[in-house]
PDB file of all heavy atoms in Angstrom:
ATOM      1  N   ALA A   1       0.874  -1.159   0.002  1.00  0.00           N
ATOM      2  CA  ALA A   1      -0.001  -0.031  -0.044  1.00  0.00           C
ATOM      3  C   ALA A   1       0.957   1.287  -0.049  1.00  0.00           C
ATOM      4  O   ALA A   1       1.852   1.378   0.866  1.00  0.00           O
ATOM      5  CB  ALA A   1      -0.927  -0.021   1.241  1.00  0.00           C
ATOM      6  N   PRO A   2       0.564   2.292  -0.948  1.00  0.00           N
ATOM      7  CA  PRO A   2       1.394   3.461  -0.865  1.00  0.00           C
ATOM      8  C   PRO A   2       1.323   4.160   0.533  1.00  0.00           C
ATOM      9  O   PRO A   2       2.406   4.834   0.867  1.00  0.00           O
ATOM     10  CB  PRO A   2       0.532   4.436  -1.836  1.00  0.00           C
ATOM     11  CG  PRO A   2      -0.058   3.339  -2.778  1.00  0.00           C
ATOM     12  CD  PRO A   2      -0.442   2.221  -1.902  1.00  0.00           C
ATOM     13  N   ASN A   3       0.268   4.037   1.444  1.00  0.00           N
ATOM     14  CA  ASN A   3       0.348   4.534   2.747  1.00  0.00           C
ATOM     15  C   ASN A   3       0.647   3.662   3.749  1.00  0.00           C
ATOM     16  O   ASN A   3       0.319   3.833   4.959  1.00  0.00           O
ATOM     17  CB  ASN A   3      -1.020   5.242   2.959  1.00  0.00           C
ATOM     18  CG  ASN A   3      -2.218   4.306   2.912  1.00  0.00           C
ATOM     19  OD1 ASN A   3      -2.089   3.250   2.256  1.00  0.00           O
ATOM     20  ND2 ASN A   3      -3.325   4.617   3.535  1.00  0.00           N
ATOM     21  N   GLY A   4       1.187   2.570   3.359  1.00  0.00           N
ATOM     22  CA  GLY A   4       1.502   1.386   4.308  1.00  0.00           C
ATOM     23  C   GLY A   4       2.471   1.927   5.368  1.00  0.00           C
ATOM     24  O   GLY A   4       2.362   1.574   6.530  1.00  0.00           O
ATOM     25  N   GLY A   5       3.489   2.706   4.983  1.00  0.00           N
ATOM     26  CA  GLY A   5       4.448   3.086   5.876  1.00  0.00           C
ATOM     27  C   GLY A   5       3.841   4.012   7.063  1.00  0.00           C
ATOM     28  O   GLY A   5       4.260   3.796   8.208  1.00  0.00           O
ATOM     29  N   ARG A   6       2.928   4.861   6.609  1.00  0.00           N
ATOM     30  CA  ARG A   6       2.345   5.760   7.689  1.00  0.00           C
ATOM     31  C   ARG A   6       1.439   4.876   8.534  1.00  0.00           C
ATOM     32  O   ARG A   6       1.398   5.097   9.793  1.00  0.00           O
ATOM     33  CB  ARG A   6       1.399   6.773   6.941  1.00  0.00           C
ATOM     34  CG  ARG A   6       0.917   7.852   7.854  1.00  0.00           C
ATOM     35  CD  ARG A   6       0.282   9.084   7.115  1.00  0.00           C
ATOM     36  NE  ARG A   6      -1.073   8.715   6.565  1.00  0.00           N
ATOM     37  CZ  ARG A   6      -1.298   8.624   5.243  1.00  0.00           C
ATOM     38  NH1 ARG A   6      -0.176   8.751   4.518  1.00  0.00           N
ATOM     39  NH2 ARG A   6      -2.370   8.331   4.708  1.00  0.00           N
ATOM     40  N   ILE A   7       0.683   3.912   8.056  1.00  0.00           N
ATOM     41  CA  ILE A   7      -0.166   3.096   8.905  1.00  0.00           C
ATOM     42  C   ILE A   7       0.684   2.256   9.830  1.00  0.00           C
ATOM     43  O   ILE A   7       0.371   2.198  11.004  1.00  0.00           O
ATOM     44  CB  ILE A   7      -0.965   2.119   8.008  1.00  0.00           C
ATOM     45  CG1 ILE A   7      -1.885   2.929   7.140  1.00  0.00           C
ATOM     46  CG2 ILE A   7      -1.915   1.139   8.778  1.00  0.00           C
ATOM     47  CD1 ILE A   7      -2.562   2.151   6.078  1.00  0.00           C
ATOM     48  N   LEU A   8       1.923   1.758   9.386  1.00  0.00           N
ATOM     49  CA  LEU A   8       2.780   1.019  10.209  1.00  0.00           C
ATOM     50  C   LEU A   8       3.241   1.860  11.427  1.00  0.00           C
ATOM     51  O   LEU A   8       3.327   1.371  12.541  1.00  0.00           O
ATOM     52  CB  LEU A   8       3.865   0.566   9.428  1.00  0.00           C
ATOM     53  CG  LEU A   8       3.843  -0.671   8.700  1.00  0.00           C
ATOM     54  CD1 LEU A   8       4.855  -0.989   7.700  1.00  0.00           C
ATOM     55  CD2 LEU A   8       3.498  -1.980   9.546  1.00  0.00           C
ATOM     56  N   GLY A   9       3.449   3.167  11.151  1.00  0.00           N
ATOM     57  CA  GLY A   9       3.929   4.041  12.203  1.00  0.00           C
ATOM     58  C   GLY A   9       2.811   4.172  13.191  1.00  0.00           C
ATOM     59  O   GLY A   9       3.189   4.211  14.494  1.00  0.00           O
ATOM     60  N   GLN A  10       1.550   4.214  12.783  1.00  0.00           N
ATOM     61  CA  GLN A  10       0.376   4.226  13.775  1.00  0.00           C
ATOM     62  C   GLN A  10       0.408   2.946  14.571  1.00  0.00           C
ATOM     63  O   GLN A  10       0.100   3.037  15.818  1.00  0.00           O
ATOM     64  CB  GLN A  10      -0.831   4.516  13.115  1.00  0.00           C
ATOM     65  CG  GLN A  10      -0.942   5.916  12.433  1.00  0.00           C
ATOM     66  CD  GLN A  10      -2.251   6.032  11.677  1.00  0.00           C
ATOM     67  OE1 GLN A  10      -2.388   5.782  10.425  1.00  0.00           O
ATOM     68  NE2 GLN A  10      -3.311   6.352  12.390  1.00  0.00           N
ATOM     69  N   ILE A  11       0.673   1.825  13.994  1.00  0.00           N
ATOM     70  CA  ILE A  11       0.578   0.532  14.762  1.00  0.00           C
ATOM     71  C   ILE A  11       1.652   0.522  15.656  1.00  0.00           C
ATOM     72  O   ILE A  11       1.405   0.049  16.806  1.00  0.00           O
ATOM     73  CB  ILE A  11       0.586  -0.580  13.676  1.00  0.00           C
ATOM     74  CG1 ILE A  11      -0.630  -0.582  12.774  1.00  0.00           C
ATOM     75  CG2 ILE A  11       0.754  -1.886  14.377  1.00  0.00           C
ATOM     76  CD1 ILE A  11      -0.697  -1.602  11.641  1.00  0.00           C
ATOM     77  N   GLU A  12       2.844   0.799  15.205  1.00  0.00           N
ATOM     78  CA  GLU A  12       4.029   0.788  16.042  1.00  0.00           C
ATOM     79  C   GLU A  12       3.922   1.672  17.309  1.00  0.00           C
ATOM     80  O   GLU A  12       4.339   1.371  18.422  1.00  0.00           O
ATOM     81  CB  GLU A  12       5.263   1.083  15.282  1.00  0.00           C
ATOM     82  CG  GLU A  12       5.612   0.054  14.280  1.00  0.00           C
ATOM     83  CD  GLU A  12       6.805   0.424  13.412  1.00  0.00           C
ATOM     84  OE1 GLU A  12       7.187   1.696  13.284  1.00  0.00           O
ATOM     85  OE2 GLU A  12       7.434  -0.442  12.768  1.00  0.00           O
ATOM     86  N   GLU A  13       3.335   2.768  17.065  1.00  0.00           N
ATOM     87  CA  GLU A  13       3.099   3.653  18.218  1.00  0.00           C
ATOM     88  C   GLU A  13       1.988   3.125  19.293  1.00  0.00           C
ATOM     89  O   GLU A  13       2.270   3.181  20.494  1.00  0.00           O
ATOM     90  CB  GLU A  13       2.428   5.076  17.722  1.00  0.00           C
ATOM     91  CG  GLU A  13       2.241   6.120  18.840  1.00  0.00           C
ATOM     92  CD  GLU A  13       1.765   7.491  18.318  1.00  0.00           C
ATOM     93  OE1 GLU A  13       1.849   7.620  17.024  1.00  0.00           O
ATOM     94  OE2 GLU A  13       1.288   8.288  19.148  1.00  0.00           O
ATOM     95  N   ARG A  14       1.056   2.395  18.742  1.00  0.00           N
ATOM     96  CA  ARG A  14       0.117   1.701  19.659  1.00  0.00           C
ATOM     97  C   ARG A  14       0.656   0.554  20.441  1.00  0.00           C
ATOM     98  O   ARG A  14       0.391   0.330  21.642  1.00  0.00           O
ATOM     99  CB  ARG A  14      -1.100   1.132  18.706  1.00  0.00           C
ATOM    100  CG  ARG A  14      -2.333   2.065  18.585  1.00  0.00           C
ATOM    101  CD  ARG A  14      -3.269   1.390  17.595  1.00  0.00           C
ATOM    102  NE  ARG A  14      -4.601   1.759  17.937  1.00  0.00           N
ATOM    103  CZ  ARG A  14      -5.110   2.881  17.760  1.00  0.00           C
ATOM    104  NH1 ARG A  14      -4.596   3.853  17.088  1.00  0.00           N
ATOM    105  NH2 ARG A  14      -6.459   3.131  18.096  1.00  0.00           N
ATOM    106  N   ILE A  15       1.574  -0.229  19.820  1.00  0.00           N
ATOM    107  CA  ILE A  15       2.083  -1.501  20.441  1.00  0.00           C
ATOM    108  C   ILE A  15       3.370  -1.163  21.135  1.00  0.00           C
ATOM    109  O   ILE A  15       3.901  -2.085  21.895  1.00  0.00           O
ATOM    110  CB  ILE A  15       2.229  -2.588  19.447  1.00  0.00           C
ATOM    111  CG1 ILE A  15       3.278  -2.378  18.369  1.00  0.00           C
ATOM    112  CG2 ILE A  15       0.859  -2.874  18.764  1.00  0.00           C
ATOM    113  CD1 ILE A  15       3.568  -3.576  17.514  1.00  0.00           C
ATOM    114  N   GLY A  16       4.092  -0.093  20.911  1.00  0.00           N
ATOM    115  CA  GLY A  16       5.243   0.234  21.616  1.00  0.00           C
ATOM    116  C   GLY A  16       6.519  -0.448  21.067  1.00  0.00           C
ATOM    117  O   GLY A  16       7.425  -0.591  21.849  1.00  0.00           O
ATOM    118  N   GLN A  17       6.393  -0.915  19.853  1.00  0.00           N
ATOM    119  CA  GLN A  17       7.676  -1.537  19.298  1.00  0.00           C
ATOM    120  C   GLN A  17       7.489  -1.567  17.756  1.00  0.00           C
ATOM    121  O   GLN A  17       6.503  -1.170  17.133  1.00  0.00           O
ATOM    122  CB  GLN A  17       7.790  -2.912  19.877  1.00  0.00           C
ATOM    123  CG  GLN A  17       6.795  -3.859  19.317  1.00  0.00           C
ATOM    124  CD  GLN A  17       7.003  -5.357  19.764  1.00  0.00           C
ATOM    125  OE1 GLN A  17       7.038  -5.695  20.891  1.00  0.00           O
ATOM    126  NE2 GLN A  17       7.280  -6.257  18.692  1.00  0.00           N
ATOM    127  N   GLY A  18       8.521  -1.945  17.075  1.00  0.00           N
ATOM    128  CA  GLY A  18       8.566  -2.110  15.697  1.00  0.00           C
ATOM    129  C   GLY A  18       7.794  -3.190  15.214  1.00  0.00           C
ATOM    130  O   GLY A  18       7.499  -4.296  15.815  1.00  0.00           O
ATOM    131  N   VAL A  19       7.442  -3.144  13.914  1.00  0.00           N
ATOM    132  CA  VAL A  19       6.676  -4.235  13.189  1.00  0.00           C
ATOM    133  C   VAL A  19       7.513  -4.678  11.961  1.00  0.00           C
ATOM    134  O   VAL A  19       8.027  -3.846  11.239  1.00  0.00           O
ATOM    135  CB  VAL A  19       5.240  -3.786  12.681  1.00  0.00           C
ATOM    136  CG1 VAL A  19       4.780  -4.893  11.739  1.00  0.00           C
ATOM    137  CG2 VAL A  19       4.386  -3.443  13.670  1.00  0.00           C
ATOM    138  N   THR A  20       7.831  -5.994  11.953  1.00  0.00           N
ATOM    139  CA  THR A  20       8.615  -6.452  10.850  1.00  0.00           C
ATOM    140  C   THR A  20       7.676  -6.660   9.493  1.00  0.00           C
ATOM    141  O   THR A  20       6.795  -7.398   9.521  1.00  0.00           O
ATOM    142  CB  THR A  20       9.353  -7.868  11.151  1.00  0.00           C
ATOM    143  OG1 THR A  20      10.181  -7.587  12.208  1.00  0.00           O
ATOM    144  CG2 THR A  20      10.005  -8.324   9.896  1.00  0.00           C
ATOM    145  N   VAL A  21       8.087  -5.880   8.530  1.00  0.00           N
ATOM    146  CA  VAL A  21       7.268  -6.071   7.236  1.00  0.00           C
ATOM    147  C   VAL A  21       8.010  -7.244   6.462  1.00  0.00           C
ATOM    148  O   VAL A  21       9.123  -7.044   5.886  1.00  0.00           O
ATOM    149  CB  VAL A  21       7.170  -4.771   6.478  1.00  0.00           C
ATOM    150  CG1 VAL A  21       6.401  -4.945   5.157  1.00  0.00           C
ATOM    151  CG2 VAL A  21       6.584  -3.693   7.301  1.00  0.00           C
ATOM    152  N   LEU A  22       7.308  -8.324   6.284  1.00  0.00           N
ATOM    153  CA  LEU A  22       7.939  -9.352   5.631  1.00  0.00           C
ATOM    154  C   LEU A  22       7.786  -9.266   4.065  1.00  0.00           C
ATOM    155  O   LEU A  22       6.640  -8.868   3.647  1.00  0.00           O
ATOM    156  CB  LEU A  22       7.154 -10.678   5.994  1.00  0.00           C
ATOM    157  CG  LEU A  22       7.295 -11.171   7.498  1.00  0.00           C
ATOM    158  CD1 LEU A  22       6.261 -12.327   7.876  1.00  0.00           C
ATOM    159  CD2 LEU A  22       8.730 -11.353   7.925  1.00  0.00           C
ATOM    160  N   SER A  23       8.804  -9.575   3.345  1.00  0.00           N
ATOM    161  CA  SER A  23       8.628  -9.692   2.017  1.00  0.00           C
ATOM    162  C   SER A  23       7.835 -10.994   1.563  1.00  0.00           C
ATOM    163  O   SER A  23       7.678 -11.934   2.553  1.00  0.00           O
ATOM    164  CB  SER A  23       9.897  -9.750   1.271  1.00  0.00           C
ATOM    165  OG  SER A  23      10.680 -10.983   1.581  1.00  0.00           O
ATOM    166  N   GLY A  24       7.508 -11.103   0.291  1.00  0.00           N
ATOM    167  CA  GLY A  24       6.887 -12.368  -0.043  1.00  0.00           C
ATOM    168  C   GLY A  24       7.794 -13.568   0.037  1.00  0.00           C
ATOM    169  O   GLY A  24       7.330 -14.613   0.434  1.00  0.00           O
ATOM    170  N   VAL A  25       9.094 -13.443  -0.221  1.00  0.00           N
ATOM    171  CA  VAL A  25       9.914 -14.479  -0.055  1.00  0.00           C
ATOM    172  C   VAL A  25      10.134 -14.825   1.440  1.00  0.00           C
ATOM    173  O   VAL A  25      10.238 -16.031   1.728  1.00  0.00           O
ATOM    174  CB  VAL A  25      11.340 -14.198  -0.691  1.00  0.00           C
ATOM    175  CG1 VAL A  25      12.403 -15.148  -0.452  1.00  0.00           C
ATOM    176  CG2 VAL A  25      11.189 -13.981  -2.200  1.00  0.00           C
ATOM    177  N   ASP A  26      10.093 -13.883   2.341  1.00  0.00           N
ATOM    178  CA  ASP A  26      10.220 -14.094   3.704  1.00  0.00           C
ATOM    179  C   ASP A  26       9.104 -14.961   4.175  1.00  0.00           C
ATOM    180  O   ASP A  26       9.183 -15.881   4.893  1.00  0.00           O
ATOM    181  CB  ASP A  26      10.136 -12.787   4.533  1.00  0.00           C
ATOM    182  CG  ASP A  26      11.458 -11.962   4.402  1.00  0.00           C
ATOM    183  OD1 ASP A  26      12.496 -12.442   4.072  1.00  0.00           O
ATOM    184  OD2 ASP A  26      11.267 -10.750   4.608  1.00  0.00           O
ATOM    185  N   GLU A  27       7.895 -14.634   3.674  1.00  0.00           N
ATOM    186  CA  GLU A  27       6.700 -15.413   4.071  1.00  0.00           C
ATOM    187  C   GLU A  27       6.833 -16.871   3.546  1.00  0.00           C
ATOM    188  O   GLU A  27       6.483 -17.729   4.349  1.00  0.00           O
ATOM    189  CB  GLU A  27       5.460 -14.766   3.399  1.00  0.00           C
ATOM    190  CG  GLU A  27       5.008 -13.430   3.915  1.00  0.00           C
ATOM    191  CD  GLU A  27       3.658 -12.938   3.258  1.00  0.00           C
ATOM    192  OE1 GLU A  27       2.618 -13.800   3.340  1.00  0.00           O
ATOM    193  OE2 GLU A  27       3.613 -11.970   2.655  1.00  0.00           O
ATOM    194  N   ALA A  28       7.261 -17.056   2.374  1.00  0.00           N
ATOM    195  CA  ALA A  28       7.437 -18.335   1.872  1.00  0.00           C
ATOM    196  C   ALA A  28       8.413 -19.177   2.530  1.00  0.00           C
ATOM    197  O   ALA A  28       8.209 -20.312   2.924  1.00  0.00           O
ATOM    198  CB  ALA A  28       7.919 -18.278   0.393  1.00  0.00           C
ATOM    199  N   ARG A  29       9.507 -18.610   3.064  1.00  0.00           N
ATOM    200  CA  ARG A  29      10.645 -19.266   3.683  1.00  0.00           C
ATOM    201  C   ARG A  29      10.127 -19.658   5.204  1.00  0.00           C
ATOM    202  O   ARG A  29      10.453 -20.780   5.635  1.00  0.00           O
ATOM    203  CB  ARG A  29      11.793 -18.453   3.770  1.00  0.00           C
ATOM    204  CG  ARG A  29      12.607 -18.422   2.389  1.00  0.00           C
ATOM    205  CD  ARG A  29      13.978 -17.644   2.434  1.00  0.00           C
ATOM    206  NE  ARG A  29      14.535 -17.596   1.248  1.00  0.00           N
ATOM    207  CZ  ARG A  29      15.202 -18.542   0.563  1.00  0.00           C
ATOM    208  NH1 ARG A  29      15.405 -19.710   1.212  1.00  0.00           N
ATOM    209  NH2 ARG A  29      15.701 -18.392  -0.588  1.00  0.00           N
ATOM    210  N   LEU A  30       9.576 -18.752   5.825  1.00  0.00           N
ATOM    211  CA  LEU A  30       9.065 -18.999   7.100  1.00  0.00           C
ATOM    212  C   LEU A  30       7.942 -20.148   7.177  1.00  0.00           C
ATOM    213  O   LEU A  30       7.915 -21.027   7.960  1.00  0.00           O
ATOM    214  CB  LEU A  30       8.559 -17.794   7.910  1.00  0.00           C
ATOM    215  CG  LEU A  30       9.582 -16.796   8.277  1.00  0.00           C
ATOM    216  CD1 LEU A  30       8.952 -15.439   8.711  1.00  0.00           C
ATOM    217  CD2 LEU A  30      10.396 -17.294   9.453  1.00  0.00           C
ATOM    218  N   THR A  31       7.132 -20.006   6.166  1.00  0.00           N
ATOM    219  CA  THR A  31       6.047 -21.027   5.947  1.00  0.00           C
ATOM    220  C   THR A  31       6.590 -22.419   5.676  1.00  0.00           C
ATOM    221  O   THR A  31       6.036 -23.488   6.268  1.00  0.00           O
ATOM    222  CB  THR A  31       4.802 -20.575   5.016  1.00  0.00           C
ATOM    223  OG1 THR A  31       4.437 -19.299   5.424  1.00  0.00           O
ATOM    224  CG2 THR A  31       3.771 -21.486   5.133  1.00  0.00           C
ATOM    225  N   PHE A  32       7.477 -22.311   4.862  1.00  0.00           N
ATOM    226  CA  PHE A  32       8.138 -23.627   4.502  1.00  0.00           C
ATOM    227  C   PHE A  32       8.944 -24.222   5.748  1.00  0.00           C
ATOM    228  O   PHE A  32       8.843 -25.512   5.887  1.00  0.00           O
ATOM    229  CB  PHE A  32       9.228 -23.386   3.406  1.00  0.00           C
ATOM    230  CG  PHE A  32       9.897 -24.580   2.890  1.00  0.00           C
ATOM    231  CD1 PHE A  32       9.320 -25.335   1.888  1.00  0.00           C
ATOM    232  CD2 PHE A  32      11.109 -25.066   3.506  1.00  0.00           C
ATOM    233  CE1 PHE A  32       9.971 -26.555   1.394  1.00  0.00           C
ATOM    234  CE2 PHE A  32      11.680 -26.284   3.056  1.00  0.00           C
ATOM    235  CZ  PHE A  32      11.145 -26.969   1.995  1.00  0.00           C
ATOM    236  N   LEU A  33       9.532 -23.421   6.509  1.00  0.00           N
ATOM    237  CA  LEU A  33      10.085 -23.955   7.754  1.00  0.00           C
ATOM    238  C   LEU A  33       9.148 -24.709   8.563  1.00  0.00           C
ATOM    239  O   LEU A  33       9.361 -25.725   9.182  1.00  0.00           O
ATOM    240  CB  LEU A  33      10.858 -22.847   8.563  1.00  0.00           C
ATOM    241  CG  LEU A  33      11.366 -23.222   9.890  1.00  0.00           C
ATOM    242  CD1 LEU A  33      12.465 -24.241   9.814  1.00  0.00           C
ATOM    243  CD2 LEU A  33      11.725 -21.929  10.729  1.00  0.00           C
ATOM    244  N   ALA A  34       8.057 -24.016   8.790  1.00  0.00           N
ATOM    245  CA  ALA A  34       6.933 -24.671   9.641  1.00  0.00           C
ATOM    246  C   ALA A  34       6.513 -25.951   9.106  1.00  0.00           C
ATOM    247  O   ALA A  34       6.360 -27.006   9.842  1.00  0.00           O
ATOM    248  CB  ALA A  34       5.726 -23.635   9.734  1.00  0.00           C
ATOM    249  N   ALA A  35       6.266 -25.947   7.717  1.00  0.00           N
ATOM    250  CA  ALA A  35       5.840 -27.318   7.194  1.00  0.00           C
ATOM    251  C   ALA A  35       6.981 -28.440   7.266  1.00  0.00           C
ATOM    252  O   ALA A  35       6.687 -29.538   7.526  1.00  0.00           O
ATOM    253  CB  ALA A  35       5.568 -27.083   5.662  1.00  0.00           C
ATOM    254  N   ARG A  36       8.247 -27.951   7.003  1.00  0.00           N
ATOM    255  CA  ARG A  36       9.265 -28.936   7.231  1.00  0.00           C
ATOM    256  C   ARG A  36       9.348 -29.534   8.580  1.00  0.00           C
ATOM    257  O   ARG A  36       9.515 -30.748   8.841  1.00  0.00           O
ATOM    258  CB  ARG A  36      10.591 -28.210   6.882  1.00  0.00           C
ATOM    259  CG  ARG A  36      11.838 -29.089   7.201  1.00  0.00           C
ATOM    260  CD  ARG A  36      11.793 -30.431   6.503  1.00  0.00           C
ATOM    261  NE  ARG A  36      12.095 -30.269   5.050  1.00  0.00           N
ATOM    262  CZ  ARG A  36      11.902 -31.153   4.113  1.00  0.00           C
ATOM    263  NH1 ARG A  36      11.396 -32.376   4.443  1.00  0.00           N
ATOM    264  NH2 ARG A  36      12.206 -31.013   2.749  1.00  0.00           N
ATOM    265  N   ARG A  37       9.213 -28.569   9.611  1.00  0.00           N
ATOM    266  CA  ARG A  37       9.267 -29.123  11.056  1.00  0.00           C
ATOM    267  C   ARG A  37       7.997 -30.057  11.320  1.00  0.00           C
ATOM    268  O   ARG A  37       8.215 -30.991  12.066  1.00  0.00           O
ATOM    269  CB  ARG A  37       9.257 -28.014  11.965  1.00  0.00           C
ATOM    270  CG  ARG A  37      10.586 -27.095  11.873  1.00  0.00           C
ATOM    271  CD  ARG A  37      11.803 -27.723  12.734  1.00  0.00           C
ATOM    272  NE  ARG A  37      12.898 -26.851  12.556  1.00  0.00           N
ATOM    273  CZ  ARG A  37      13.191 -25.936  13.507  1.00  0.00           C
ATOM    274  NH1 ARG A  37      12.475 -25.732  14.520  1.00  0.00           N
ATOM    275  NH2 ARG A  37      14.413 -25.296  13.307  1.00  0.00           N
TER     276      ARG A  37
END
């Protein structure tokens, strides 16, 4: 989303920490790890 960065800032302010924005490849690798285990 073009305004995704601004929204992330609002979320981070609410939760008091950073949010990791996963790339599509990150999603694929983490999900693969879960399936392999």
